[in-house]
Protein backbone atom coordinates (compact mmCIF):
# COMPACT_ATOMS: atom_id res chain seq x y z
CA UNK A 1 109.58 283.91 153.72
CA UNK A 2 106.06 284.19 154.54
CA UNK A 3 108.16 283.59 153.83
CA UNK A 4 111.08 283.12 151.67
CA UNK A 5 112.82 281.16 154.30
CA UNK A 6 111.73 277.67 153.34
CA UNK A 7 112.59 278.22 149.71
CA UNK A 8 115.90 279.62 150.71
CA UNK A 9 116.62 276.19 151.99
CA UNK A 10 116.68 275.27 148.44
CA UNK A 11 117.83 271.88 149.63
CA UNK A 12 114.23 271.58 150.84
CA UNK A 13 112.43 272.84 147.82
CA UNK A 14 114.78 271.84 145.03
CA UNK A 15 116.99 269.25 146.68
CA UNK A 16 116.17 265.74 147.85
CA UNK A 17 112.54 265.14 148.71
CA UNK A 18 111.85 262.31 151.39
CA UNK A 19 101.50 258.03 155.27
CA UNK A 20 102.35 255.11 153.77
CA UNK A 21 105.00 253.77 151.46
CA UNK A 22 104.61 251.01 148.87
CA UNK A 23 102.52 248.10 150.07
CA UNK A 24 101.24 249.93 153.17
CA UNK A 25 97.78 250.94 154.12
CA UNK A 26 96.52 254.06 152.39
CA UNK A 27 95.77 256.94 154.76
CA UNK A 28 92.13 257.84 155.33
CA UNK A 29 90.69 259.70 152.35
CA UNK A 30 88.77 262.13 154.60
CA UNK A 31 91.90 263.14 156.32
CA UNK A 32 93.77 263.61 153.00
CA UNK A 33 90.90 265.76 151.67
CA UNK A 34 90.94 267.85 154.84
CA UNK A 35 94.74 268.28 154.58
CA UNK A 36 94.44 269.27 150.92
CA UNK A 37 91.68 271.81 151.64
CA UNK A 38 93.79 273.54 154.26
CA UNK A 39 96.83 273.66 151.94
CA UNK A 40 94.86 274.97 148.96
CA UNK A 41 92.26 277.21 150.61
CA UNK A 42 94.27 278.58 153.58
CA UNK A 43 97.97 278.17 153.20
CA UNK A 44 98.16 279.04 149.48
CA UNK A 45 94.82 280.80 149.25
CA UNK A 46 94.63 279.61 145.66
CA UNK A 47 92.34 281.61 143.40
CA UNK A 48 90.55 280.76 140.12
CA UNK A 49 92.87 280.98 137.18
CA UNK A 50 96.10 280.76 139.18
CA UNK A 51 98.69 278.12 138.27
CA UNK A 52 99.98 275.71 140.91
CA UNK A 53 103.20 273.64 140.76
CA UNK A 54 103.04 270.54 143.05
CA UNK A 55 106.46 268.98 143.68
CA UNK A 56 106.96 265.75 145.57
CA UNK A 57 107.96 262.07 145.24
CA UNK A 58 105.97 258.95 144.54
CA UNK A 59 105.52 258.05 148.22
CA UNK A 60 103.18 261.01 148.67
CA UNK A 61 100.92 260.13 145.74
CA UNK A 62 97.74 260.05 147.77
CA UNK A 63 98.20 263.56 149.10
CA UNK A 64 99.49 264.78 145.71
CA UNK A 65 96.25 263.57 144.05
CA UNK A 66 94.07 265.06 146.87
CA UNK A 67 95.75 268.47 146.44
CA UNK A 68 95.47 268.25 142.67
CA UNK A 69 91.71 267.59 142.95
CA UNK A 70 91.23 270.37 145.49
CA UNK A 71 93.12 272.83 143.26
CA UNK A 72 90.89 271.96 140.34
CA UNK A 73 87.86 272.54 142.53
CA UNK A 74 89.23 275.92 143.39
CA UNK A 75 89.35 276.81 139.72
CA UNK A 76 93.15 276.78 139.56
CA UNK A 77 95.50 275.23 136.97
CA UNK A 78 97.62 272.62 138.85
CA UNK A 79 100.38 270.50 137.41
CA UNK A 80 102.58 267.87 139.08
CA UNK A 81 106.26 267.26 139.00
CA UNK A 82 106.84 263.97 140.80
CA UNK A 83 110.50 263.02 141.42
CA UNK A 84 111.83 259.50 141.66
CA UNK A 85 113.75 258.08 144.68
CA UNK A 86 117.41 257.72 143.82
CA UNK A 87 117.56 260.36 141.08
CA UNK A 88 119.74 262.75 143.06
CA UNK A 89 122.16 260.01 144.03
CA UNK A 90 122.56 259.22 140.32
CA UNK A 91 122.98 262.90 139.58
CA UNK A 92 125.82 263.39 142.10
CA UNK A 93 127.55 260.16 141.19
CA UNK A 94 127.37 260.69 137.47
CA UNK A 95 127.09 264.38 136.48
CA UNK A 96 130.17 266.50 135.74
CA UNK A 97 130.60 269.93 137.25
CA UNK A 98 129.04 271.68 134.33
CA UNK A 99 125.95 269.55 134.54
CA UNK A 100 125.64 270.11 138.30
CA UNK A 101 125.72 273.85 137.70
CA UNK A 102 123.23 273.94 134.85
CA UNK A 103 120.71 271.10 135.12
CA UNK A 104 118.07 273.19 136.93
CA UNK A 105 117.21 275.50 134.05
CA UNK A 106 113.67 274.08 133.94
CA UNK A 107 113.14 274.88 137.65
CA UNK A 108 114.17 278.49 137.00
CA UNK A 109 111.58 278.75 134.23
CA UNK A 110 108.91 277.15 136.41
CA UNK A 111 109.55 279.43 139.38
CA UNK A 112 109.45 282.44 137.10
CA UNK A 113 106.09 281.42 135.72
CA UNK A 114 103.73 279.81 138.37
CA UNK A 115 101.50 281.75 140.79
CA UNK A 116 101.91 279.19 143.57
CA UNK A 117 104.19 276.31 144.43
CA UNK A 118 103.69 273.50 146.90
CA UNK A 119 106.42 271.18 148.03
CA UNK A 120 105.37 267.89 149.74
CA UNK A 121 108.43 266.49 151.43
CA UNK A 122 108.27 262.69 151.14
CA UNK A 123 111.72 261.02 151.05
CA UNK A 124 112.22 257.34 150.59
CA UNK A 125 115.78 257.69 151.88
CA UNK A 126 116.92 260.59 153.95
CA UNK A 127 120.58 259.49 153.74
CA UNK A 128 120.68 259.53 149.91
CA UNK A 129 123.25 262.32 149.70
CA UNK A 130 125.32 261.45 152.79
CA UNK A 131 128.34 260.46 150.76
CA UNK A 132 128.34 263.44 148.38
CA UNK A 133 131.60 265.32 148.10
CA UNK A 134 130.99 268.72 149.78
CA UNK A 135 132.69 270.51 146.84
CA UNK A 136 130.18 269.02 144.47
CA UNK A 137 127.40 269.95 146.84
CA UNK A 138 128.68 273.59 146.78
CA UNK A 139 128.37 273.62 142.95
CA UNK A 140 124.81 272.42 143.18
CA UNK A 141 123.95 274.88 145.95
CA UNK A 142 125.27 277.80 143.97
CA UNK A 143 123.20 276.79 141.01
CA UNK A 144 120.14 276.59 143.24
CA UNK A 145 120.97 280.08 144.45
CA UNK A 146 119.95 281.33 141.00
CA UNK A 147 116.49 279.89 141.57
CA UNK A 148 116.44 281.56 144.96
CA UNK A 149 117.02 284.97 143.36
CA UNK A 150 113.93 284.44 141.20
CA UNK A 151 111.86 283.31 144.21
CA UNK A 152 112.93 286.23 146.39
CA UNK A 153 112.11 288.83 143.72
CA UNK A 154 108.68 287.28 142.92
CA UNK A 155 107.74 286.83 146.59
CA UNK A 156 108.65 290.45 147.31
CA UNK A 157 106.49 291.50 144.36
CA UNK A 158 103.65 289.34 145.67
CA UNK A 159 103.74 287.38 142.41
CA UNK A 160 104.38 284.00 144.02
CA UNK A 161 102.81 282.05 146.90
CA UNK A 162 104.58 279.00 148.28
CA UNK A 163 104.19 276.33 150.92
CA UNK A 164 105.97 273.18 152.12
CA UNK A 165 104.52 270.30 154.05
CA UNK A 166 105.74 266.80 154.97
CA UNK A 167 104.04 263.51 154.23
CA UNK A 168 104.75 260.71 156.73
CA UNK A 169 107.02 258.06 155.22
CA UNK A 170 108.99 255.28 156.77
CA UNK A 171 112.21 257.19 156.10
CA UNK A 172 111.06 260.21 158.06
CA UNK A 173 109.62 258.01 160.83
CA UNK A 174 112.93 256.21 161.14
CA UNK A 175 114.81 259.49 161.33
CA UNK A 176 112.48 260.53 164.12
CA UNK A 177 112.91 257.14 165.82
CA UNK A 178 109.19 256.47 165.67
CA UNK A 179 106.96 253.88 164.14
CA UNK A 180 105.15 254.96 160.99
CA UNK A 181 101.73 255.38 162.68
CA UNK A 182 103.19 257.06 165.71
CA UNK A 183 104.91 259.47 163.31
CA UNK A 184 101.65 259.95 161.44
CA UNK A 185 99.95 261.06 164.61
CA UNK A 186 102.86 263.34 165.44
CA UNK A 187 102.48 265.06 162.04
CA UNK A 188 98.72 265.45 162.41
CA UNK A 189 99.03 267.13 165.79
CA UNK A 190 101.94 269.36 164.72
CA UNK A 191 99.79 270.49 161.75
CA UNK A 192 96.66 270.83 163.91
CA UNK A 193 94.91 268.51 161.51
CA UNK A 194 93.51 266.63 164.54
CA UNK A 195 91.44 269.82 165.30
CA UNK A 196 87.83 269.96 164.13
CA UNK A 197 88.70 273.26 162.38
CA UNK A 198 92.46 273.47 161.61
CA UNK A 199 92.12 276.85 159.94
CA UNK A 200 90.54 278.40 163.03
CA UNK A 201 93.31 276.90 165.17
CA UNK A 202 96.01 278.42 162.95
CA UNK A 203 94.23 281.78 162.99
CA UNK A 204 94.26 281.71 166.79
CA UNK A 205 98.00 280.83 166.70
CA UNK A 206 98.50 283.80 164.39
CA UNK A 207 96.98 286.24 166.83
CA UNK A 208 99.35 285.12 169.58
CA UNK A 209 102.40 285.30 167.30
CA UNK A 210 101.48 288.86 166.16
CA UNK A 211 101.28 289.98 169.77
CA UNK A 212 104.75 288.63 170.49
CA UNK A 213 106.15 290.15 167.33
CA UNK A 214 104.73 293.57 168.23
CA UNK A 215 106.73 293.48 171.51
CA UNK A 216 109.99 293.47 169.44
CA UNK A 217 109.04 296.51 167.38
CA UNK A 218 111.52 299.41 167.78
CA UNK A 219 113.98 297.29 169.76
CA UNK A 220 117.69 296.98 169.19
CA UNK A 221 119.97 294.68 171.27
CA UNK A 222 119.08 291.03 171.81
CA UNK A 223 121.02 288.99 174.32
CA UNK A 224 120.69 285.24 174.39
CA UNK A 225 121.91 283.61 177.58
CA UNK A 226 122.09 280.02 178.76
CA UNK A 227 124.40 277.06 179.37
CA UNK A 228 124.79 276.65 175.56
CA UNK A 229 124.71 280.24 174.41
CA UNK A 230 126.13 283.68 175.25
CA UNK A 231 125.38 285.75 172.15
CA UNK A 232 124.34 289.34 171.43
CA UNK A 233 123.05 290.75 168.18
CA UNK A 234 121.04 293.66 166.85
CA UNK A 235 117.50 293.66 165.39
CA UNK A 236 117.41 297.45 164.94
CA UNK A 237 114.97 298.22 162.13
CA UNK A 238 114.30 294.53 161.44
CA UNK A 239 110.76 293.27 161.93
CA UNK A 240 109.83 289.87 163.29
CA UNK A 241 107.70 287.82 160.87
CA UNK A 242 104.96 285.54 162.14
CA UNK A 243 104.66 282.00 160.82
CA UNK A 244 101.10 280.81 161.04
CA UNK A 245 100.66 277.96 158.58
CA UNK A 246 100.78 279.92 155.36
CA UNK A 247 104.19 278.91 154.01
CA UNK A 248 105.31 276.12 156.35
CA UNK A 249 102.79 273.45 157.30
CA UNK A 250 103.18 272.75 160.16
CA UNK A 251 104.27 276.15 161.40
CA UNK A 252 104.81 277.96 164.66
CA UNK A 253 107.65 280.44 164.97
CA UNK A 254 108.60 284.06 164.68
CA UNK A 255 111.80 285.12 162.97
CA UNK A 256 113.89 288.01 161.80
CA UNK A 257 117.20 288.67 160.10
CA UNK A 258 119.69 290.20 162.54
CA UNK A 259 121.95 293.03 161.38
CA UNK A 260 124.62 291.34 159.43
CA UNK A 261 127.68 292.72 161.40
CA UNK A 262 126.08 292.60 164.85
CA UNK A 263 126.54 289.04 166.22
CA UNK A 264 129.19 288.66 168.95
CA UNK A 265 129.65 285.71 171.24
CA UNK A 266 129.34 281.92 171.27
CA UNK A 267 126.75 279.21 170.82
CA UNK A 268 126.75 275.45 171.08
CA UNK A 269 123.83 273.91 169.25
CA UNK A 270 121.95 271.39 171.40
CA UNK A 271 120.82 269.19 168.53
CA UNK A 272 122.52 267.74 165.48
CA UNK A 273 122.86 270.17 162.61
CA UNK A 274 121.57 268.50 159.43
CA UNK A 275 122.06 269.81 155.88
CA UNK A 276 121.36 267.88 152.68
CA UNK A 277 121.27 264.61 154.60
CA UNK A 278 124.63 265.24 156.27
CA UNK A 279 124.65 265.34 160.11
CA UNK A 280 127.12 267.45 162.06
CA UNK A 281 127.13 266.92 165.85
CA UNK A 282 127.85 269.34 168.71
CA UNK A 283 128.44 272.39 166.52
CA UNK A 284 130.03 275.33 168.29
CA UNK A 285 130.43 278.75 166.65
CA UNK A 286 132.20 281.88 167.73
CA UNK A 287 131.12 285.22 166.24
CA UNK A 288 132.95 288.52 165.97
CA UNK A 289 131.20 291.56 164.39
CA UNK A 290 128.70 289.29 162.69
CA UNK A 291 131.12 286.76 161.25
CA UNK A 292 131.92 283.17 162.33
CA UNK A 293 135.64 283.35 163.17
CA UNK A 294 135.90 279.84 164.66
CA UNK A 295 133.87 276.62 164.25
CA UNK A 296 134.10 273.29 165.92
CA UNK A 297 132.11 270.01 165.71
CA UNK A 298 132.43 266.69 167.42
CA UNK A 299 131.60 264.94 164.14
CA UNK A 300 131.39 266.32 160.59
CA UNK A 301 133.70 269.31 161.06
CA UNK A 302 135.16 269.09 157.57
CA UNK A 303 131.63 269.26 156.04
CA UNK A 304 130.80 272.20 158.38
CA UNK A 305 133.86 274.10 157.26
CA UNK A 306 133.24 273.38 153.62
CA UNK A 307 129.70 274.80 153.89
CA UNK A 308 130.91 277.82 155.80
CA UNK A 309 133.38 278.48 153.00
CA UNK A 310 130.72 278.24 150.24
CA UNK A 311 130.81 282.04 149.79
CA UNK A 312 131.40 285.27 151.67
CA UNK A 313 127.86 285.33 153.15
CA UNK A 314 127.93 281.78 154.51
CA UNK A 315 129.69 282.79 157.77
CA UNK A 316 127.12 285.42 158.67
CA UNK A 317 123.69 285.02 160.26
CA UNK A 318 120.68 285.17 157.99
CA UNK A 319 118.05 284.43 160.64
CA UNK A 320 117.11 284.33 164.31
CA UNK A 321 113.97 282.27 164.85
CA UNK A 322 112.03 281.46 168.07
CA UNK A 323 109.89 278.31 168.12
CA UNK A 324 106.26 278.71 169.33
CA UNK A 325 104.68 275.36 168.51
CA UNK A 326 104.39 273.65 171.86
CA UNK A 327 102.52 270.78 170.17
CA UNK A 328 105.89 269.63 168.75
CA UNK A 329 107.58 268.05 171.72
CA UNK A 330 110.49 266.07 170.24
CA UNK A 331 113.41 266.43 167.82
CA UNK A 332 112.84 264.60 164.60
CA UNK A 333 115.89 265.53 162.41
CA UNK A 334 113.55 267.43 160.12
CA UNK A 335 113.83 271.22 160.45
CA UNK A 336 110.33 271.70 159.02
CA UNK A 337 109.19 270.48 162.41
CA UNK A 338 112.21 270.98 164.62
CA UNK A 339 112.69 274.74 164.20
CA UNK A 340 109.14 275.17 165.44
CA UNK A 341 109.62 273.34 168.78
CA UNK A 342 108.39 275.55 171.60
CA UNK A 343 111.26 276.34 173.98
CA UNK A 344 113.95 276.48 171.24
CA UNK A 345 115.61 279.08 169.10
CA UNK A 346 117.31 278.56 165.74
CA UNK A 347 120.06 280.47 164.04
CA UNK A 348 120.60 280.19 160.30
CA UNK A 349 123.92 280.71 158.68
CA UNK A 350 123.84 282.19 155.22
CA UNK A 351 121.17 283.92 153.12
CA UNK A 352 119.10 286.59 154.87
CA UNK A 353 115.36 286.93 154.73
CA UNK A 354 114.32 290.04 152.72
CA UNK A 355 110.87 290.25 154.25
CA UNK A 356 112.51 290.81 157.62
CA UNK A 357 115.10 293.21 156.23
CA UNK A 358 117.90 290.76 155.68
CA UNK A 359 120.48 291.65 153.04
CA UNK A 360 123.05 288.90 153.50
CA UNK A 361 123.59 286.94 150.32
CA UNK A 362 124.66 283.29 150.24
CA UNK A 363 123.94 280.07 148.43
CA UNK A 364 123.26 278.35 151.78
CA UNK A 365 120.68 278.88 154.53
CA UNK A 366 121.47 276.38 157.27
CA UNK A 367 119.21 276.35 160.32
CA UNK A 368 120.72 275.11 163.59
CA UNK A 369 118.72 274.44 166.72
CA UNK A 370 119.44 275.46 170.34
CA UNK A 371 117.47 274.41 173.44
CA UNK A 372 116.40 277.41 175.48
CA UNK A 373 114.35 275.56 178.09
CA UNK A 374 116.86 276.77 180.66
CA UNK A 375 117.80 279.98 178.90
CA UNK A 376 116.86 283.64 178.80
CA UNK A 377 116.39 286.33 176.17
CA UNK A 378 116.88 289.95 177.03
CA UNK A 379 115.86 292.80 174.69
CA UNK A 380 117.35 296.20 175.39
CA UNK A 381 118.10 294.94 178.90
CA UNK A 382 114.51 293.76 179.56
CA UNK A 383 113.74 290.11 180.21
CA UNK A 384 111.52 288.91 177.34
CA UNK A 385 111.87 285.11 177.58
CA UNK A 386 112.76 282.67 180.30
CA UNK A 387 112.99 278.90 180.39
CA UNK A 388 111.34 278.33 177.05
CA UNK A 389 108.46 280.79 177.38
CA UNK A 390 107.82 284.49 176.71
CA UNK A 391 107.31 286.44 179.97
CA UNK A 392 104.42 288.83 180.28
């Protein structure tokens, strides 16, 4: 995306949203102002007269207000849509199927209107939707897919800029098995906000990513080898996109959409696969001619199968991503961070990424993470990557 990808995960942008919570110390105003400036001036590059939608939850109120102020100083027209913790649980417990399929009409209008959209992920409860019936989740996902179509079209036409970031909350810290202030420091370093000039740091990161992406130009066959993967696929005619803090914040990956019928082989994902608050452990997938023909999981297999049966495109790969942010050193159960971990790759089932040539269509885009610290990547028979690092 940069990148449609985050918004494809419409569970991130339009689904449950999860620093300090109520009664806790407010983060330093200088830091919040610095964060807001980077988001408004660098990530979104907001210009005078442009409209900005800010979506989040109440726990991120301090950053929401800092961004709102910075957007006004930039001459933009910001407005806020602040969700309430527990709303989605009520929705899934109470709404009928017709309501689940049609309650997002306002979001479709918004995404068809605004010039820029910022999502600040700030959940109070990351397990809010754990008990949702997968069939009801499918209905909601398909409805969100209509929003995705609007987003894809407007991004391709350069009519929409978008970004997602994460505000440290107790819920996210608990998921990451950290204390709140430990998690706060983790977020700051991942976002390079501890640097004296974060924008300069991200520009330097961008140069390195562009150099790696250029090495893939004109290539075809990618072979991924390791104790947890033996998979081949084609990237012929598909560019790698660099991710340098413009659409994800933090960032740090390069990605492409493989040819939809090209994946063959097997992969076991080293980390739990998490989607809409549901965790699936030890996922294994077998591919033939681009399609998942067999799936297994140690826990959550029924949910995995339900999601893979969402639609025809759900069993095909929409993305191959390679993490390049070596400042992110641990798994946190939040793919905004985890898919960027240096020394990992991620494969996404479902919707492809048009900016990298992807044409697969699906209501889902589910990233799953594989450790490559003991793996290798060969491109057209040449060793490109070994033990978590690109070779020169």
